[in-house]
Every structure is written in structure tokens, then in C-alpha cells.
Amino acid sequence: MPQRHFFASPDDLLSVFERVESRHSVSFVLTGMFETSEFALFHAGAALPTLRLPASRQSIQCPTYLVVLRSTPVNVRSVPQRTGGVRYAIDQLENPDSTTLTHGGIHSPEVLISGRVATVSATPTGKKLQSAFSNAIANQFTRVNAFYVGPEAYELLQNGCRLTFNVDAPPEYDLDRPRASA
């Protein structure tokens, strides 16, 4: 599964969105299981309602958005429940021409949670969207070990902020500050 892990403040991601959106007309929709098949489309990353909210305690709990070209319809899957009723899923299973974005973000002034852009899609459009986000991140962020770190996130790291995937993980799993070369 092609993916790129990163640490970014909301402002760091604005430049990524601008770069991608200057080349591709995209829409974002929140993924998950819902009680209704209705959903909201956002035509700009800057408009994501969760972007500036405090991040969850761990990356896996942060909101994830399906990213599609605006011309691509978003398909919603009905999922019958064992206890009765139906829930509605928005994910890549019925939307192969997509990638996903988990923005992570600032959990508290001392903690920044990682984000990820990833796809399970092998379609040309899915690969193109994944590549657009992945390249925008690689071109504008600094690589630190296996992660890409946005400019503001890098400053937070240098000032002692924890960059982690999970607030409750031991600090030895945090991203280490780069050491100055001697």
C-alpha cells in the first residue's frame, strides 16, 4: 500500500493542499461508518472542518478523508448490522479512484500527532492522487528518519514538542530531533 507518513501543523498542510489543488480539482469527504448515507463534500483542504481541531490521542483515531477528483462520484456502501438496521460506509472499497488523508495535528501545545496519506488503489487515478499528495509533502517538508516534517512541525520538534503517533506511547517511540553534524 503506497503511503507517506508525516508530521504537520494545519498551516503546514495548507501549502500541500494549495500545491495539489493547483494541479487537480479534488474533493474531500470524511470516511467511516455513518447512520445516514448523506455526506458533505469539501472542495478545498483548507475547508476541512477538523483541520484546526485538537488531534486525537493517536493517529489511528484522527479523522481520515477520502480524496477524489471532483468529477468522480463518491459511492456509499450499505452495511447491514447484526443487531438490525443499516450503517453506511464511505471508504476506498467502493471508491477505488481515490486516496486517503489522515491529517493528524496538534493534540496539545506539547504534542503533535502524525498524519498519513495512503491508498489501497491500483487504478491510474488513485495512483495519481496518491502521488500528487506524496510529492507535495516530499517537496515541501524535511525528511527526518522515515517521516516528513512540515516547517512549523520541524520548529516544534526543535523546541522540544513531542512528535508521536500516540500520546500514550513511551517517548522512545517519538520522532527524535535531528542531531547537528559535528
Protein backbone atom coordinates (compact mmCIF):
# COMPACT_ATOMS: atom_id res chain seq x y z
CA MET A 1 0.00 0.00 0.00
CA PRO A 2 1.63 3.29 -1.06
CA GLN A 3 1.72 5.67 1.88
CA ARG A 4 3.60 8.65 3.23
CA HIS A 5 3.74 9.39 6.96
CA PHE A 6 4.22 12.96 8.08
CA PHE A 7 4.03 15.45 10.93
CA ALA A 8 2.34 18.72 10.08
CA SER A 9 0.60 21.64 11.68
CA PRO A 10 -2.60 22.79 9.99
CA ASP A 11 -0.62 25.66 8.41
CA ASP A 12 1.98 23.22 7.08
CA LEU A 13 -0.79 21.31 5.30
CA LEU A 14 -2.22 24.44 3.66
CA SER A 15 0.78 24.62 1.34
CA VAL A 16 0.35 20.92 0.48
CA PHE A 17 -3.32 21.48 -0.31
CA GLU A 18 -2.51 24.53 -2.44
CA ARG A 19 0.04 22.60 -4.47
CA VAL A 20 -2.25 19.61 -5.06
CA GLU A 21 -5.33 21.75 -5.73
CA SER A 22 -3.43 23.90 -8.26
CA ARG A 23 -2.92 20.76 -10.35
CA HIS A 24 -6.06 18.72 -9.61
CA SER A 25 -9.68 19.61 -8.84
CA VAL A 26 -10.29 17.43 -5.80
CA SER A 27 -12.99 16.85 -3.23
CA PHE A 28 -12.67 15.53 0.31
CA VAL A 29 -15.26 13.50 2.23
CA LEU A 30 -14.95 12.11 5.76
CA THR A 31 -14.53 8.33 5.82
CA GLY A 32 -16.19 6.00 8.28
CA MET A 33 -19.45 4.25 9.15
CA PHE A 34 -22.45 6.53 9.46
CA GLU A 35 -26.14 6.33 10.35
CA THR A 36 -27.15 8.06 7.10
CA SER A 37 -25.96 7.89 3.51
CA GLU A 38 -25.77 11.70 3.37
CA PHE A 39 -22.32 13.26 3.37
CA ALA A 40 -20.61 16.62 2.95
CA LEU A 41 -18.07 17.24 0.21
CA PHE A 42 -15.31 19.78 0.74
CA HIS A 43 -13.65 21.23 -2.35
CA ALA A 44 -10.57 22.54 -0.55
CA GLY A 45 -8.31 21.06 2.10
CA ALA A 46 -8.38 24.39 3.93
CA ALA A 47 -12.15 23.89 4.41
CA LEU A 48 -11.85 20.57 6.28
CA PRO A 49 -13.83 21.11 9.49
CA THR A 50 -11.45 19.01 11.60
CA LEU A 51 -8.18 20.51 10.35
CA ARG A 52 -7.75 23.01 13.20
CA LEU A 53 -9.42 20.96 15.95
CA PRO A 54 -7.20 19.29 18.55
CA ALA A 55 -5.92 15.96 17.22
CA SER A 56 -6.98 12.69 18.85
CA ARG A 57 -4.62 10.93 21.24
CA GLN A 58 -3.37 8.64 18.48
CA SER A 59 -3.03 8.89 14.74
CA ILE A 60 -5.35 5.97 14.02
CA GLN A 61 -8.20 7.85 15.77
CA CYS A 62 -7.73 11.07 13.77
CA PRO A 63 -10.24 11.91 11.03
CA THR A 64 -9.48 10.40 7.64
CA TYR A 65 -10.76 11.89 4.41
CA LEU A 66 -11.34 10.18 1.10
CA VAL A 67 -9.84 12.32 -1.66
CA VAL A 68 -11.32 12.05 -5.17
CA LEU A 69 -11.32 14.13 -8.31
CA ARG A 70 -14.35 16.43 -8.32
CA SER A 71 -15.65 14.66 -11.42
CA THR A 72 -15.65 11.31 -9.58
CA PRO A 73 -18.86 10.41 -7.73
CA VAL A 74 -18.44 9.21 -4.13
CA ASN A 75 -20.05 5.83 -3.59
CA VAL A 76 -21.60 4.93 -0.25
CA ARG A 77 -21.82 1.29 0.80
CA SER A 78 -24.77 -0.12 2.80
CA VAL A 79 -23.62 -2.35 5.64
CA PRO A 80 -26.38 -4.40 7.32
CA GLN A 81 -25.82 -4.68 11.08
CA ARG A 82 -26.10 -7.96 13.01
CA THR A 83 -28.30 -6.25 15.56
CA GLY A 84 -30.58 -4.93 12.82
CA GLY A 85 -30.60 -1.77 10.79
CA VAL A 86 -28.06 -0.48 8.31
CA ARG A 87 -24.97 1.70 8.57
CA TYR A 88 -23.37 3.45 5.61
CA ALA A 89 -19.67 3.22 4.82
CA ILE A 90 -17.55 5.73 2.98
CA ASP A 91 -14.19 4.17 2.20
CA GLN A 92 -11.94 3.03 -0.63
CA LEU A 93 -13.71 -0.30 -1.14
CA GLU A 94 -16.36 1.26 -3.40
CA ASN A 95 -14.19 4.27 -4.34
CA PRO A 96 -11.05 2.89 -5.99
CA ASP A 97 -10.22 6.16 -7.80
CA SER A 98 -9.14 7.76 -4.53
CA THR A 99 -6.52 8.18 -1.86
CA THR A 100 -6.99 8.87 1.84
CA LEU A 101 -5.63 11.65 4.01
CA THR A 102 -5.36 11.50 7.79
CA HIS A 103 -4.15 14.96 8.79
CA GLY A 104 -3.10 14.29 12.39
CA GLY A 105 -2.21 17.59 14.03
CA ILE A 106 -1.71 19.38 17.29
CA HIS A 107 -3.06 17.38 20.24
CA SER A 108 -1.76 19.84 22.85
CA PRO A 109 0.96 22.50 22.88
CA GLU A 110 3.45 19.76 23.79
CA VAL A 111 2.29 17.01 21.38
CA LEU A 112 1.93 16.77 17.60
CA ILE A 113 0.26 13.61 16.22
CA SER A 114 1.40 12.10 12.92
CA GLY A 115 -0.66 12.05 9.73
CA ARG A 116 -0.65 9.88 6.64
CA VAL A 117 -1.63 9.90 3.01
CA ALA A 118 -2.26 6.38 1.68
CA THR A 119 -4.14 4.36 -0.88
CA VAL A 120 -5.03 0.74 -1.44
CA SER A 121 -5.97 1.60 -5.01
CA ALA A 122 -4.14 0.37 -8.08
CA THR A 123 -6.18 2.48 -10.52
CA PRO A 124 -4.38 5.20 -12.51
CA THR A 125 -6.49 7.90 -10.83
CA GLY A 126 -5.88 6.52 -7.33
CA LYS A 127 -2.14 6.37 -8.02
CA LYS A 128 -2.18 9.90 -9.47
CA LEU A 129 -3.88 11.36 -6.38
CA GLN A 130 -1.55 9.47 -4.02
CA SER A 131 1.46 10.68 -5.98
CA ALA A 132 0.23 14.29 -6.01
CA PHE A 133 -0.02 14.41 -2.20
CA SER A 134 3.11 12.35 -1.63
CA ASN A 135 5.19 14.58 -3.93
CA ALA A 136 3.80 17.81 -2.46
CA ILE A 137 4.77 16.60 1.02
CA ALA A 138 8.22 15.41 -0.06
CA ASN A 139 8.95 18.70 -1.87
CA GLN A 140 7.88 21.00 0.97
CA PHE A 141 8.72 19.05 4.13
CA THR A 142 12.01 17.93 5.67
CA ARG A 143 12.69 14.22 5.90
CA VAL A 144 13.56 13.05 9.41
CA ASN A 145 14.09 9.29 9.53
CA ALA A 146 11.00 7.68 7.96
CA PHE A 147 8.79 10.78 8.37
CA TYR A 148 8.34 14.02 6.50
CA VAL A 149 8.09 17.02 8.80
CA GLY A 150 6.42 20.31 7.81
CA PRO A 151 8.22 23.62 8.51
CA GLU A 152 6.13 24.55 11.55
CA ALA A 153 6.21 20.98 12.84
CA TYR A 154 10.01 20.98 12.45
CA GLU A 155 10.21 24.12 14.55
CA LEU A 156 8.00 22.48 17.18
CA LEU A 157 10.31 19.44 17.16
CA GLN A 158 13.39 21.65 17.61
CA ASN A 159 11.67 23.36 20.55
CA GLY A 160 11.02 20.08 22.39
CA CYS A 161 7.47 19.23 21.27
CA ARG A 162 6.73 15.50 21.13
CA LEU A 163 6.12 14.29 17.58
CA THR A 164 4.41 10.94 18.05
CA PHE A 165 1.78 8.59 16.68
CA ASN A 166 0.30 8.04 20.16
CA VAL A 167 0.26 10.27 23.24
CA ASP A 168 0.35 7.19 25.47
CA ALA A 169 3.33 5.59 23.71
CA PRO A 170 6.68 5.75 25.51
CA PRO A 171 8.79 8.75 24.46
CA GLU A 172 11.40 6.45 22.91
CA TYR A 173 8.90 5.88 20.07
CA ASP A 174 8.70 9.64 19.35
CA LEU A 175 10.46 11.19 16.40
CA ASP A 176 13.91 12.27 17.58
CA ARG A 177 15.27 15.73 16.97
CA PRO A 178 17.91 15.66 14.26
CA ARG A 179 21.40 16.00 15.71
CA ALA A 180 23.66 18.75 14.40
CA SER A 181 26.57 17.27 12.48
CA ALA A 182 29.97 17.78 14.02
